[in-house]
C-alpha cells in the first residue's frame, strides 16, 4: 500500500514551505517517525517525519520547490512491512 506524505501546517499562519534538503533518497527504507525532508517556513526550519514505515518510492518535490500546505511531497510504499 502506498502512502502519500503531505506537508503539514505547523503553524496557524503557515501557507507553504520550501524544500531545503532531502534526508532520504528514493529506494531508502524509512521508519515511522524518521526524518524525510527539511522544510523552511517563514519562521523556522522543520523536519518532516515519515508517517509510516516502508520504502521511499518517490520524491514528488525537489530542493528549492515551494510547496503549499497539504500538498504531497513524497510517496512511501508500505508493502512488506
C-alpha atoms as a PDB file:
ATOM      1  CA  UNK A   1       0.000   0.000   0.000  1.00  0.00           C
ATOM      2  CA  UNK A   2       1.325   3.440  -0.925  1.00  0.00           C
ATOM      3  CA  UNK A   3       1.087   6.358   1.494  1.00  0.00           C
ATOM      4  CA  UNK A   4       1.156   9.980   0.367  1.00  0.00           C
ATOM      5  CA  UNK A   5       3.271  12.166   2.632  1.00  0.00           C
ATOM      6  CA  UNK A   6       1.769  15.663   2.747  1.00  0.00           C
ATOM      7  CA  UNK A   7       3.216  18.917   4.049  1.00  0.00           C
ATOM      8  CA  UNK A   8       1.537  19.595   7.395  1.00  0.00           C
ATOM      9  CA  UNK A   9       0.523  23.016   8.667  1.00  0.00           C
ATOM     10  CA  UNK A  10       2.888  23.525  11.607  1.00  0.00           C
ATOM     11  CA  UNK A  11       1.537  26.977  12.486  1.00  0.00           C
ATOM     12  CA  UNK A  12      -1.705  28.907  12.090  1.00  0.00           C
ATOM     13  CA  UNK A  13      -0.228  31.348   9.565  1.00  0.00           C
ATOM     14  CA  UNK A  14       1.700  28.746   7.571  1.00  0.00           C
ATOM     15  CA  UNK A  15       0.580  28.539   3.939  1.00  0.00           C
ATOM     16  CA  UNK A  16       3.628  26.882   2.322  1.00  0.00           C
ATOM     17  CA  UNK A  17       7.174  25.690   2.873  1.00  0.00           C
ATOM     18  CA  UNK A  18      10.378  25.482   0.837  1.00  0.00           C
ATOM     19  CA  UNK A  19      12.093  22.117   0.430  1.00  0.00           C
ATOM     20  CA  UNK A  20      15.620  22.647   1.786  1.00  0.00           C
ATOM     21  CA  UNK A  21      17.139  19.135   1.764  1.00  0.00           C
ATOM     22  CA  UNK A  22      16.070  15.528   1.345  1.00  0.00           C
ATOM     23  CA  UNK A  23      17.312  13.347   4.220  1.00  0.00           C
ATOM     24  CA  UNK A  24      16.337  10.103   2.440  1.00  0.00           C
ATOM     25  CA  UNK A  25      16.731   9.051  -1.193  1.00  0.00           C
ATOM     26  CA  UNK A  26      14.378   7.043  -3.396  1.00  0.00           C
ATOM     27  CA  UNK A  27      14.791   3.362  -2.542  1.00  0.00           C
ATOM     28  CA  UNK A  28      15.789   4.018   1.078  1.00  0.00           C
ATOM     29  CA  UNK A  29      13.941   2.277   3.905  1.00  0.00           C
ATOM     30  CA  UNK A  30      12.296   4.691   6.352  1.00  0.00           C
ATOM     31  CA  UNK A  31      10.886   4.007   9.794  1.00  0.00           C
ATOM     32  CA  UNK A  32       7.815   5.593  11.333  1.00  0.00           C
ATOM     33  CA  UNK A  33       8.852   8.998  12.711  1.00  0.00           C
ATOM     34  CA  UNK A  34      12.169   9.101  10.840  1.00  0.00           C
ATOM     35  CA  UNK A  35      13.120  12.403   9.185  1.00  0.00           C
ATOM     36  CA  UNK A  36      12.458  12.567   5.429  1.00  0.00           C
ATOM     37  CA  UNK A  37      12.949  16.165   4.362  1.00  0.00           C
ATOM     38  CA  UNK A  38      13.895  19.569   5.777  1.00  0.00           C
ATOM     39  CA  UNK A  39      11.304  22.271   5.122  1.00  0.00           C
ATOM     40  CA  UNK A  40      11.776  26.004   5.695  1.00  0.00           C
ATOM     41  CA  UNK A  41       8.707  28.036   6.603  1.00  0.00           C
ATOM     42  CA  UNK A  42       8.530  31.781   7.131  1.00  0.00           C
ATOM     43  CA  UNK A  43       9.599  31.365  10.756  1.00  0.00           C
ATOM     44  CA  UNK A  44      11.703  28.196  11.094  1.00  0.00           C
ATOM     45  CA  UNK A  45      13.167  25.029   9.601  1.00  0.00           C
ATOM     46  CA  UNK A  46      11.273  21.821  10.414  1.00  0.00           C
ATOM     47  CA  UNK A  47      11.955  18.175   9.622  1.00  0.00           C
ATOM     48  CA  UNK A  48       9.005  16.387   8.059  1.00  0.00           C
ATOM     49  CA  UNK A  49       8.883  12.882   9.540  1.00  0.00           C
ATOM     50  CA  UNK A  50       7.632   9.712   7.926  1.00  0.00           C
ATOM     51  CA  UNK A  51       4.043   8.842   8.913  1.00  0.00           C
ATOM     52  CA  UNK A  52       4.672   5.120   8.212  1.00  0.00           C
ATOM     53  CA  UNK A  53       7.475   2.575   7.840  1.00  0.00           C
ATOM     54  CA  UNK A  54       8.339   1.451   4.321  1.00  0.00           C
ATOM     55  CA  UNK A  55      10.376   2.351   1.246  1.00  0.00           C
ATOM     56  CA  UNK A  56      10.581   5.858  -0.173  1.00  0.00           C
ATOM     57  CA  UNK A  57       9.472   5.306  -3.766  1.00  0.00           C
ATOM     58  CA  UNK A  58       9.055   8.884  -4.978  1.00  0.00           C
ATOM     59  CA  UNK A  59      10.171  12.385  -4.091  1.00  0.00           C
ATOM     60  CA  UNK A  60       7.340  14.458  -5.574  1.00  0.00           C
ATOM     61  CA  UNK A  61       9.129  17.742  -4.877  1.00  0.00           C
ATOM     62  CA  UNK A  62      12.701  18.905  -5.426  1.00  0.00           C
ATOM     63  CA  UNK A  63      15.070  21.019  -3.360  1.00  0.00           C
ATOM     64  CA  UNK A  64      14.078  24.655  -3.843  1.00  0.00           C
ATOM     65  CA  UNK A  65      10.401  23.930  -4.536  1.00  0.00           C
ATOM     66  CA  UNK A  66       7.872  25.974  -2.557  1.00  0.00           C
ATOM     67  CA  UNK A  67       5.052  23.602  -1.599  1.00  0.00           C
ATOM     68  CA  UNK A  68       1.576  24.587  -0.368  1.00  0.00           C
ATOM     69  CA  UNK A  69       0.340  23.128   2.926  1.00  0.00           C
ATOM     70  CA  UNK A  70      -1.290  19.689   2.489  1.00  0.00           C
ATOM     71  CA  UNK A  71       0.432  19.122  -0.878  1.00  0.00           C
ATOM     72  CA  UNK A  72       2.033  15.700  -1.488  1.00  0.00           C
ATOM     73  CA  UNK A  73       5.828  15.793  -1.133  1.00  0.00           C
ATOM     74  CA  UNK A  74       6.664  12.062  -1.163  1.00  0.00           C
ATOM     75  CA  UNK A  75       5.248   8.550  -1.604  1.00  0.00           C
ATOM     76  CA  UNK A  76       6.166   5.662   0.720  1.00  0.00           C
ATOM     77  CA  UNK A  77       5.390   2.036  -0.120  1.00  0.00           C
ATOM     78  CA  UNK A  78       4.430   0.031   2.968  1.00  0.00           C
ATOM     79  CA  UNK A  79       4.438  -3.421   1.310  1.00  0.00           C
ATOM     80  CA  UNK A  80       6.456  -5.978   3.178  1.00  0.00           C
ATOM     81  CA  UNK A  81       6.296  -4.060   6.435  1.00  0.00           C
END
